[in-house]
Full PDB file with SEQRES, HELIX, SHEET, SSBOND, CRYST1, ORIGX, SCALE, CONECT and MASTER records, all heavy atoms in Angstrom:
SEQRES   1 A   31  GLU ILE HIS GLN LEU ILE ALA ASN LYS ILE GLY LEU ASN          
SEQRES   2 A   31  TRP SER TYR LYS ASP GLN GLU GLU ILE PHE ASN GLU PHE          
SEQRES   3 A   31  ILE LYS CYS THR PRO                                          
HELIX    1 AA1 ILE A    2  LYS A    9  1                                   8    
HELIX    2 AA2 GLN A   19  LYS A   28  1                                  10    
CRYST1    1.000    1.000    1.000  90.00  90.00  90.00 P 1           1          
ORIGX1      1.000000  0.000000  0.000000        0.00000                         
ORIGX2      0.000000  1.000000  0.000000        0.00000                         
ORIGX3      0.000000  0.000000  1.000000        0.00000                         
SCALE1      1.000000  0.000000  0.000000        0.00000                         
SCALE2      0.000000  1.000000  0.000000        0.00000                         
SCALE3      0.000000  0.000000  1.000000        0.00000                         
ATOM      1  N   GLU A   1      -6.096   2.574   4.558  1.00  0.00           N  
ATOM      2  CA  GLU A   1      -5.475   2.770   5.893  1.00  0.00           C  
ATOM      3  C   GLU A   1      -5.718   1.567   6.796  1.00  0.00           C  
ATOM      4  O   GLU A   1      -4.803   1.092   7.494  1.00  0.00           O  
ATOM      5  CB  GLU A   1      -6.074   4.003   6.531  1.00  0.00           C  
ATOM      6  CG  GLU A   1      -5.674   5.317   5.882  1.00  0.00           C  
ATOM      7  CD  GLU A   1      -6.338   6.497   6.593  1.00  0.00           C  
ATOM      8  OE1 GLU A   1      -7.556   6.697   6.438  1.00  0.00           O  
ATOM      9  OE2 GLU A   1      -5.592   7.242   7.287  1.00  0.00           O  
ATOM     10  N   ILE A   2      -6.972   1.035   6.728  1.00  0.00           N  
ATOM     11  CA  ILE A   2      -7.307  -0.110   7.525  1.00  0.00           C  
ATOM     12  C   ILE A   2      -6.390  -1.300   7.121  1.00  0.00           C  
ATOM     13  O   ILE A   2      -5.842  -1.989   7.980  1.00  0.00           O  
ATOM     14  CB  ILE A   2      -8.797  -0.475   7.330  1.00  0.00           C  
ATOM     15  CG1 ILE A   2      -9.697   0.595   7.913  1.00  0.00           C  
ATOM     16  CG2 ILE A   2      -9.103  -1.851   7.973  1.00  0.00           C  
ATOM     17  CD1 ILE A   2     -11.161   0.440   7.596  1.00  0.00           C  
ATOM     18  N   HIS A   3      -6.230  -1.524   5.856  1.00  0.00           N  
ATOM     19  CA  HIS A   3      -5.452  -2.611   5.335  1.00  0.00           C  
ATOM     20  C   HIS A   3      -3.960  -2.464   5.718  1.00  0.00           C  
ATOM     21  O   HIS A   3      -3.302  -3.466   6.050  1.00  0.00           O  
ATOM     22  CB  HIS A   3      -5.592  -2.806   3.844  1.00  0.00           C  
ATOM     23  CG  HIS A   3      -7.029  -3.106   3.450  1.00  0.00           C  
ATOM     24  ND1 HIS A   3      -7.491  -3.068   2.173  1.00  0.00           N  
ATOM     25  CD2 HIS A   3      -8.129  -3.386   4.189  1.00  0.00           C  
ATOM     26  CE1 HIS A   3      -8.780  -3.297   2.077  1.00  0.00           C  
ATOM     27  NE2 HIS A   3      -9.185  -3.523   3.337  1.00  0.00           N  
ATOM     28  N   GLN A   4      -3.486  -1.239   5.612  1.00  0.00           N  
ATOM     29  CA  GLN A   4      -2.069  -1.021   5.984  1.00  0.00           C  
ATOM     30  C   GLN A   4      -1.832  -1.284   7.491  1.00  0.00           C  
ATOM     31  O   GLN A   4      -0.820  -1.862   7.852  1.00  0.00           O  
ATOM     32  CB  GLN A   4      -1.642   0.400   5.595  1.00  0.00           C  
ATOM     33  CG  GLN A   4      -0.211   0.697   5.958  1.00  0.00           C  
ATOM     34  CD  GLN A   4       0.361   1.797   5.067  1.00  0.00           C  
ATOM     35  OE1 GLN A   4       0.622   1.623   3.913  1.00  0.00           O  
ATOM     36  NE2 GLN A   4       0.604   2.962   5.669  1.00  0.00           N  
ATOM     37  N   LEU A   5      -2.783  -0.854   8.333  1.00  0.00           N  
ATOM     38  CA  LEU A   5      -2.613  -1.090   9.765  1.00  0.00           C  
ATOM     39  C   LEU A   5      -2.596  -2.602  10.039  1.00  0.00           C  
ATOM     40  O   LEU A   5      -1.799  -3.059  10.904  1.00  0.00           O  
ATOM     41  CB  LEU A   5      -3.804  -0.460  10.541  1.00  0.00           C  
ATOM     42  CG  LEU A   5      -3.709   1.064  10.681  1.00  0.00           C  
ATOM     43  CD1 LEU A   5      -5.091   1.586  11.141  1.00  0.00           C  
ATOM     44  CD2 LEU A   5      -2.631   1.460  11.655  1.00  0.00           C  
ATOM     45  N   ILE A   6      -3.486  -3.367   9.368  1.00  0.00           N  
ATOM     46  CA  ILE A   6      -3.509  -4.800   9.602  1.00  0.00           C  
ATOM     47  C   ILE A   6      -2.226  -5.457   9.066  1.00  0.00           C  
ATOM     48  O   ILE A   6      -1.575  -6.316   9.714  1.00  0.00           O  
ATOM     49  CB  ILE A   6      -4.764  -5.447   8.909  1.00  0.00           C  
ATOM     50  CG1 ILE A   6      -6.020  -4.973   9.600  1.00  0.00           C  
ATOM     51  CG2 ILE A   6      -4.654  -6.980   8.909  1.00  0.00           C  
ATOM     52  CD1 ILE A   6      -7.326  -5.378   8.933  1.00  0.00           C  
ATOM     53  N   ALA A   7      -1.817  -4.989   7.843  1.00  0.00           N  
ATOM     54  CA  ALA A   7      -0.598  -5.546   7.227  1.00  0.00           C  
ATOM     55  C   ALA A   7       0.593  -5.372   8.199  1.00  0.00           C  
ATOM     56  O   ALA A   7       1.393  -6.323   8.363  1.00  0.00           O  
ATOM     57  CB  ALA A   7      -0.339  -4.888   5.925  1.00  0.00           C  
ATOM     58  N   ASN A   8       0.663  -4.240   8.828  1.00  0.00           N  
ATOM     59  CA  ASN A   8       1.830  -3.953   9.672  1.00  0.00           C  
ATOM     60  C   ASN A   8       1.762  -4.700  11.010  1.00  0.00           C  
ATOM     61  O   ASN A   8       2.753  -5.050  11.610  1.00  0.00           O  
ATOM     62  CB  ASN A   8       1.983  -2.448   9.895  1.00  0.00           C  
ATOM     63  CG  ASN A   8       2.468  -1.774   8.638  1.00  0.00           C  
ATOM     64  OD1 ASN A   8       3.060  -2.384   7.745  1.00  0.00           O  
ATOM     65  ND2 ASN A   8       2.211  -0.461   8.527  1.00  0.00           N  
ATOM     66  N   LYS A   9       0.514  -5.003  11.444  1.00  0.00           N  
ATOM     67  CA  LYS A   9       0.337  -5.842  12.606  1.00  0.00           C  
ATOM     68  C   LYS A   9       0.866  -7.268  12.423  1.00  0.00           C  
ATOM     69  O   LYS A   9       1.252  -7.950  13.355  1.00  0.00           O  
ATOM     70  CB  LYS A   9      -1.119  -5.901  13.039  1.00  0.00           C  
ATOM     71  CG  LYS A   9      -1.620  -4.641  13.695  1.00  0.00           C  
ATOM     72  CD  LYS A   9      -1.134  -4.501  15.126  1.00  0.00           C  
ATOM     73  CE  LYS A   9      -1.774  -3.286  15.785  1.00  0.00           C  
ATOM     74  NZ  LYS A   9      -1.269  -3.050  17.152  1.00  0.00           N  
ATOM     75  N   ILE A  10       0.838  -7.683  11.163  1.00  0.00           N  
ATOM     76  CA  ILE A  10       1.324  -9.086  10.816  1.00  0.00           C  
ATOM     77  C   ILE A  10       2.733  -9.026  10.212  1.00  0.00           C  
ATOM     78  O   ILE A  10       3.158 -10.031   9.613  1.00  0.00           O  
ATOM     79  CB  ILE A  10       0.295  -9.850   9.977  1.00  0.00           C  
ATOM     80  CG1 ILE A  10       0.032  -9.155   8.682  1.00  0.00           C  
ATOM     81  CG2 ILE A  10      -0.967 -10.106  10.769  1.00  0.00           C  
ATOM     82  CD1 ILE A  10      -0.829 -10.030   7.715  1.00  0.00           C  
ATOM     83  N   GLY A  11       3.430  -7.861  10.370  1.00  0.00           N  
ATOM     84  CA  GLY A  11       4.843  -7.852  10.051  1.00  0.00           C  
ATOM     85  C   GLY A  11       5.169  -7.581   8.617  1.00  0.00           C  
ATOM     86  O   GLY A  11       6.288  -7.896   8.137  1.00  0.00           O  
ATOM     87  N   LEU A  12       4.290  -6.961   7.808  1.00  0.00           N  
ATOM     88  CA  LEU A  12       4.569  -6.713   6.407  1.00  0.00           C  
ATOM     89  C   LEU A  12       5.283  -5.359   6.152  1.00  0.00           C  
ATOM     90  O   LEU A  12       5.758  -5.101   5.074  1.00  0.00           O  
ATOM     91  CB  LEU A  12       3.308  -6.777   5.554  1.00  0.00           C  
ATOM     92  CG  LEU A  12       2.668  -8.185   5.469  1.00  0.00           C  
ATOM     93  CD1 LEU A  12       1.371  -8.133   4.677  1.00  0.00           C  
ATOM     94  CD2 LEU A  12       3.651  -9.169   4.857  1.00  0.00           C  
ATOM     95  N   ASN A  13       5.264  -4.491   7.113  1.00  0.00           N  
ATOM     96  CA  ASN A  13       5.985  -3.238   7.052  1.00  0.00           C  
ATOM     97  C   ASN A  13       5.641  -2.384   5.804  1.00  0.00           C  
ATOM     98  O   ASN A  13       6.491  -1.965   5.034  1.00  0.00           O  
ATOM     99  CB  ASN A  13       7.514  -3.552   7.086  1.00  0.00           C  
ATOM    100  CG  ASN A  13       8.322  -2.299   7.367  1.00  0.00           C  
ATOM    101  OD1 ASN A  13       7.886  -1.375   8.071  1.00  0.00           O  
ATOM    102  ND2 ASN A  13       9.571  -2.252   6.825  1.00  0.00           N  
ATOM    103  N   TRP A  14       4.372  -2.148   5.631  1.00  0.00           N  
ATOM    104  CA  TRP A  14       3.933  -1.232   4.545  1.00  0.00           C  
ATOM    105  C   TRP A  14       4.068   0.197   4.982  1.00  0.00           C  
ATOM    106  O   TRP A  14       3.893   0.504   6.206  1.00  0.00           O  
ATOM    107  CB  TRP A  14       2.453  -1.515   4.208  1.00  0.00           C  
ATOM    108  CG  TRP A  14       2.200  -2.829   3.515  1.00  0.00           C  
ATOM    109  CD1 TRP A  14       3.135  -3.816   3.267  1.00  0.00           C  
ATOM    110  CD2 TRP A  14       0.939  -3.348   3.018  1.00  0.00           C  
ATOM    111  NE1 TRP A  14       2.569  -4.868   2.632  1.00  0.00           N  
ATOM    112  CE2 TRP A  14       1.194  -4.587   2.500  1.00  0.00           C  
ATOM    113  CE3 TRP A  14      -0.351  -2.823   3.002  1.00  0.00           C  
ATOM    114  CZ2 TRP A  14       0.160  -5.385   1.918  1.00  0.00           C  
ATOM    115  CZ3 TRP A  14      -1.352  -3.595   2.470  1.00  0.00           C  
ATOM    116  CH2 TRP A  14      -1.103  -4.859   1.905  1.00  0.00           C  
ATOM    117  N   SER A  15       4.317   1.097   4.045  1.00  0.00           N  
ATOM    118  CA  SER A  15       4.511   2.487   4.398  1.00  0.00           C  
ATOM    119  C   SER A  15       3.941   3.458   3.363  1.00  0.00           C  
ATOM    120  O   SER A  15       4.589   4.488   3.004  1.00  0.00           O  
ATOM    121  CB  SER A  15       6.033   2.787   4.611  1.00  0.00           C  
ATOM    122  OG  SER A  15       6.735   2.418   3.325  1.00  0.00           O  
ATOM    123  N   TYR A  16       2.784   3.117   2.817  1.00  0.00           N  
ATOM    124  CA  TYR A  16       2.151   4.059   1.824  1.00  0.00           C  
ATOM    125  C   TYR A  16       1.691   5.307   2.535  1.00  0.00           C  
ATOM    126  O   TYR A  16       1.214   5.242   3.610  1.00  0.00           O  
ATOM    127  CB  TYR A  16       0.916   3.324   1.188  1.00  0.00           C  
ATOM    128  CG  TYR A  16       1.242   2.124   0.385  1.00  0.00           C  
ATOM    129  CD1 TYR A  16       0.956   0.848   0.864  1.00  0.00           C  
ATOM    130  CD2 TYR A  16       1.895   2.190  -0.865  1.00  0.00           C  
ATOM    131  CE1 TYR A  16       1.285  -0.285   0.163  1.00  0.00           C  
ATOM    132  CE2 TYR A  16       2.206   1.060  -1.567  1.00  0.00           C  
ATOM    133  CZ  TYR A  16       1.878  -0.159  -1.071  1.00  0.00           C  
ATOM    134  OH  TYR A  16       2.209  -1.324  -1.775  1.00  0.00           O  
ATOM    135  N   LYS A  17       1.871   6.439   1.839  1.00  0.00           N  
ATOM    136  CA  LYS A  17       1.459   7.744   2.431  1.00  0.00           C  
ATOM    137  C   LYS A  17       0.016   8.080   2.121  1.00  0.00           C  
ATOM    138  O   LYS A  17      -0.671   8.700   2.930  1.00  0.00           O  
ATOM    139  CB  LYS A  17       2.395   8.836   1.894  1.00  0.00           C  
ATOM    140  CG  LYS A  17       3.824   8.696   2.263  1.00  0.00           C  
ATOM    141  CD  LYS A  17       4.594  10.005   1.990  1.00  0.00           C  
ATOM    142  CE  LYS A  17       4.523  10.451   0.553  1.00  0.00           C  
ATOM    143  NZ  LYS A  17       5.340   9.522  -0.313  1.00  0.00           N  
ATOM    144  N   ASP A  18      -0.456   7.690   0.878  1.00  0.00           N  
ATOM    145  CA  ASP A  18      -1.799   8.063   0.484  1.00  0.00           C  
ATOM    146  C   ASP A  18      -2.207   7.226  -0.699  1.00  0.00           C  
ATOM    147  O   ASP A  18      -1.504   6.386  -1.211  1.00  0.00           O  
ATOM    148  CB  ASP A  18      -1.885   9.586   0.150  1.00  0.00           C  
ATOM    149  CG  ASP A  18      -0.830   9.996  -0.924  1.00  0.00           C  
ATOM    150  OD1 ASP A  18      -0.411   9.116  -1.725  1.00  0.00           O  
ATOM    151  OD2 ASP A  18      -0.447  11.200  -0.941  1.00  0.00           O  
ATOM    152  N   GLN A  19      -3.454   7.535  -1.176  1.00  0.00           N  
ATOM    153  CA  GLN A  19      -4.014   6.756  -2.290  1.00  0.00           C  
ATOM    154  C   GLN A  19      -3.207   6.934  -3.553  1.00  0.00           C  
ATOM    155  O   GLN A  19      -3.060   6.012  -4.389  1.00  0.00           O  
ATOM    156  CB  GLN A  19      -5.464   7.192  -2.543  1.00  0.00           C  
ATOM    157  CG  GLN A  19      -6.432   6.937  -1.437  1.00  0.00           C  
ATOM    158  CD  GLN A  19      -6.626   8.087  -0.461  1.00  0.00           C  
ATOM    159  OE1 GLN A  19      -5.618   8.823  -0.258  1.00  0.00           O  
ATOM    160  NE2 GLN A  19      -7.790   8.283   0.057  1.00  0.00           N  
ATOM    161  N   GLU A  20      -2.707   8.141  -3.800  1.00  0.00           N  
ATOM    162  CA  GLU A  20      -1.973   8.382  -5.045  1.00  0.00           C  
ATOM    163  C   GLU A  20      -0.746   7.531  -5.131  1.00  0.00           C  
ATOM    164  O   GLU A  20      -0.384   6.999  -6.214  1.00  0.00           O  
ATOM    165  CB  GLU A  20      -1.635   9.875  -5.126  1.00  0.00           C  
ATOM    166  CG  GLU A  20      -0.986  10.255  -6.464  1.00  0.00           C  
ATOM    167  CD  GLU A  20      -0.816  11.761  -6.685  1.00  0.00           C  
ATOM    168  OE1 GLU A  20      -1.129  12.502  -5.725  1.00  0.00           O  
ATOM    169  OE2 GLU A  20      -0.409  12.158  -7.755  1.00  0.00           O  
ATOM    170  N   GLU A  21      -0.076   7.354  -4.013  1.00  0.00           N  
ATOM    171  CA  GLU A  21       1.140   6.523  -4.024  1.00  0.00           C  
ATOM    172  C   GLU A  21       0.770   5.036  -4.383  1.00  0.00           C  
ATOM    173  O   GLU A  21       1.522   4.414  -5.123  1.00  0.00           O  
ATOM    174  CB  GLU A  21       1.824   6.558  -2.673  1.00  0.00           C  
ATOM    175  CG  GLU A  21       3.147   5.796  -2.675  1.00  0.00           C  
ATOM    176  CD  GLU A  21       3.880   5.895  -1.274  1.00  0.00           C  
ATOM    177  OE1 GLU A  21       3.483   6.741  -0.451  1.00  0.00           O  
ATOM    178  OE2 GLU A  21       4.841   5.144  -1.117  1.00  0.00           O  
ATOM    179  N   ILE A  22      -0.352   4.600  -3.839  1.00  0.00           N  
ATOM    180  CA  ILE A  22      -0.800   3.221  -4.191  1.00  0.00           C  
ATOM    181  C   ILE A  22      -1.206   3.155  -5.668  1.00  0.00           C  
ATOM    182  O   ILE A  22      -0.841   2.192  -6.343  1.00  0.00           O  
ATOM    183  CB  ILE A  22      -2.017   2.866  -3.304  1.00  0.00           C  
ATOM    184  CG1 ILE A  22      -1.558   2.785  -1.815  1.00  0.00           C  
ATOM    185  CG2 ILE A  22      -2.611   1.522  -3.741  1.00  0.00           C  
ATOM    186  CD1 ILE A  22      -2.690   2.750  -0.867  1.00  0.00           C  
ATOM    187  N   PHE A  23      -1.862   4.165  -6.187  1.00  0.00           N  
ATOM    188  CA  PHE A  23      -2.233   4.198  -7.612  1.00  0.00           C  
ATOM    189  C   PHE A  23      -1.034   4.164  -8.501  1.00  0.00           C  
ATOM    190  O   PHE A  23      -0.983   3.450  -9.513  1.00  0.00           O  
ATOM    191  CB  PHE A  23      -3.082   5.458  -7.935  1.00  0.00           C  
ATOM    192  CG  PHE A  23      -3.585   5.484  -9.324  1.00  0.00           C  
ATOM    193  CD1 PHE A  23      -4.722   4.761  -9.682  1.00  0.00           C  
ATOM    194  CD2 PHE A  23      -2.989   6.263 -10.311  1.00  0.00           C  
ATOM    195  CE1 PHE A  23      -5.242   4.798 -10.962  1.00  0.00           C  
ATOM    196  CE2 PHE A  23      -3.498   6.292 -11.590  1.00  0.00           C  
ATOM    197  CZ  PHE A  23      -4.606   5.587 -11.962  1.00  0.00           C  
ATOM    198  N   ASN A  24       0.041   4.840  -8.122  1.00  0.00           N  
ATOM    199  CA  ASN A  24       1.290   4.948  -8.914  1.00  0.00           C  
ATOM    200  C   ASN A  24       1.981   3.581  -8.931  1.00  0.00           C  
ATOM    201  O   ASN A  24       2.644   3.216  -9.896  1.00  0.00           O  
ATOM    202  CB  ASN A  24       2.217   6.027  -8.374  1.00  0.00           C  
ATOM    203  CG  ASN A  24       1.696   7.429  -8.690  1.00  0.00           C  
ATOM    204  OD1 ASN A  24       0.908   7.608  -9.587  1.00  0.00           O  
ATOM    205  ND2 ASN A  24       2.110   8.378  -7.896  1.00  0.00           N  
ATOM    206  N   GLU A  25       1.800   2.786  -7.854  1.00  0.00           N  
ATOM    207  CA  GLU A  25       2.311   1.431  -7.907  1.00  0.00           C  
ATOM    208  C   GLU A  25       1.477   0.550  -8.765  1.00  0.00           C  
ATOM    209  O   GLU A  25       1.941  -0.239  -9.550  1.00  0.00           O  
ATOM    210  CB  GLU A  25       2.362   0.823  -6.447  1.00  0.00           C  
ATOM    211  CG  GLU A  25       2.838  -0.614  -6.427  1.00  0.00           C  
ATOM    212  CD  GLU A  25       2.845  -1.169  -4.991  1.00  0.00           C  
ATOM    213  OE1 GLU A  25       3.584  -0.657  -4.154  1.00  0.00           O  
ATOM    214  OE2 GLU A  25       2.140  -2.177  -4.780  1.00  0.00           O  
ATOM    215  N   PHE A  26       0.159   0.727  -8.623  1.00  0.00           N  
ATOM    216  CA  PHE A  26      -0.818  -0.101  -9.426  1.00  0.00           C  
ATOM    217  C   PHE A  26      -0.604   0.059 -10.946  1.00  0.00           C  
ATOM    218  O   PHE A  26      -0.618  -0.945 -11.655  1.00  0.00           O  
ATOM    219  CB  PHE A  26      -2.209   0.362  -9.052  1.00  0.00           C  
ATOM    220  CG  PHE A  26      -3.311  -0.051  -9.925  1.00  0.00           C  
ATOM    221  CD1 PHE A  26      -3.694  -1.417 -10.028  1.00  0.00           C  
ATOM    222  CD2 PHE A  26      -4.045   0.861 -10.692  1.00  0.00           C  
ATOM    223  CE1 PHE A  26      -4.709  -1.798 -10.867  1.00  0.00           C  
ATOM    224  CE2 PHE A  26      -5.080   0.510 -11.520  1.00  0.00           C  
ATOM    225  CZ  PHE A  26      -5.445  -0.845 -11.618  1.00  0.00           C  
ATOM    226  N   ILE A  27      -0.325   1.260 -11.405  1.00  0.00           N  
ATOM    227  CA  ILE A  27      -0.182   1.476 -12.883  1.00  0.00           C  
ATOM    228  C   ILE A  27       1.102   0.796 -13.432  1.00  0.00           C  
ATOM    229  O   ILE A  27       1.148   0.445 -14.589  1.00  0.00           O  
ATOM    230  CB  ILE A  27      -0.230   2.970 -13.259  1.00  0.00           C  
ATOM    231  CG1 ILE A  27       0.965   3.720 -12.655  1.00  0.00           C  
ATOM    232  CG2 ILE A  27      -1.571   3.581 -12.893  1.00  0.00           C  
ATOM    233  CD1 ILE A  27       1.012   5.179 -13.084  1.00  0.00           C  
ATOM    234  N   LYS A  28       2.046   0.588 -12.554  1.00  0.00           N  
ATOM    235  CA  LYS A  28       3.309  -0.037 -12.991  1.00  0.00           C  
ATOM    236  C   LYS A  28       3.129  -1.549 -13.284  1.00  0.00           C  
ATOM    237  O   LYS A  28       3.842  -2.099 -14.055  1.00  0.00           O  
ATOM    238  CB  LYS A  28       4.395   0.112 -11.917  1.00  0.00           C  
ATOM    239  CG  LYS A  28       4.886   1.530 -11.787  1.00  0.00           C  
ATOM    240  CD  LYS A  28       5.920   1.588 -10.661  1.00  0.00           C  
ATOM    241  CE  LYS A  28       6.385   3.033 -10.418  1.00  0.00           C  
ATOM    242  NZ  LYS A  28       7.277   3.146  -9.220  1.00  0.00           N  
ATOM    243  N   CYS A  29       2.082  -2.160 -12.701  1.00  0.00           N  
ATOM    244  CA  CYS A  29       1.867  -3.574 -12.890  1.00  0.00           C  
ATOM    245  C   CYS A  29       0.515  -3.874 -13.649  1.00  0.00           C  
ATOM    246  O   CYS A  29       0.123  -5.007 -13.700  1.00  0.00           O  
ATOM    247  CB  CYS A  29       1.932  -4.371 -11.545  1.00  0.00           C  
ATOM    248  SG  CYS A  29       0.673  -3.892 -10.342  1.00  0.00           S  
ATOM    249  N   THR A  30      -0.062  -2.782 -14.163  1.00  0.00           N  
ATOM    250  CA  THR A  30      -1.341  -2.956 -14.853  1.00  0.00           C  
ATOM    251  C   THR A  30      -1.291  -2.239 -16.171  1.00  0.00           C  
ATOM    252  O   THR A  30      -1.493  -1.005 -16.273  1.00  0.00           O  
ATOM    253  CB  THR A  30      -2.483  -2.350 -13.996  1.00  0.00           C  
ATOM    254  OG1 THR A  30      -2.369  -2.848 -12.646  1.00  0.00           O  
ATOM    255  CG2 THR A  30      -3.853  -2.725 -14.530  1.00  0.00           C  
ATOM    256  N   PRO A  31      -0.959  -2.977 -17.285  1.00  0.00           N  
ATOM    257  CA  PRO A  31      -0.679  -2.295 -18.588  1.00  0.00           C  
ATOM    258  C   PRO A  31      -1.792  -1.414 -19.082  1.00  0.00           C  
ATOM    259  O   PRO A  31      -1.519  -0.347 -19.647  1.00  0.00           O  
ATOM    260  CB  PRO A  31      -0.500  -3.523 -19.508  1.00  0.00           C  
ATOM    261  CG  PRO A  31      -0.012  -4.621 -18.635  1.00  0.00           C  
ATOM    262  CD  PRO A  31      -0.728  -4.450 -17.332  1.00  0.00           C  
TER     263      PRO A  31                                                      
MASTER        0    0    0    2    0    0    0    6  262    1    0    3          
END                                                                             
């Protein structure tokens, strides 16, 4: 949450809802 708040302050427009959504992205790029 801290990282997403900072990311959005510098214009990256992140919109993750929770840890599980981040994990589901992570597994797509981590064989």
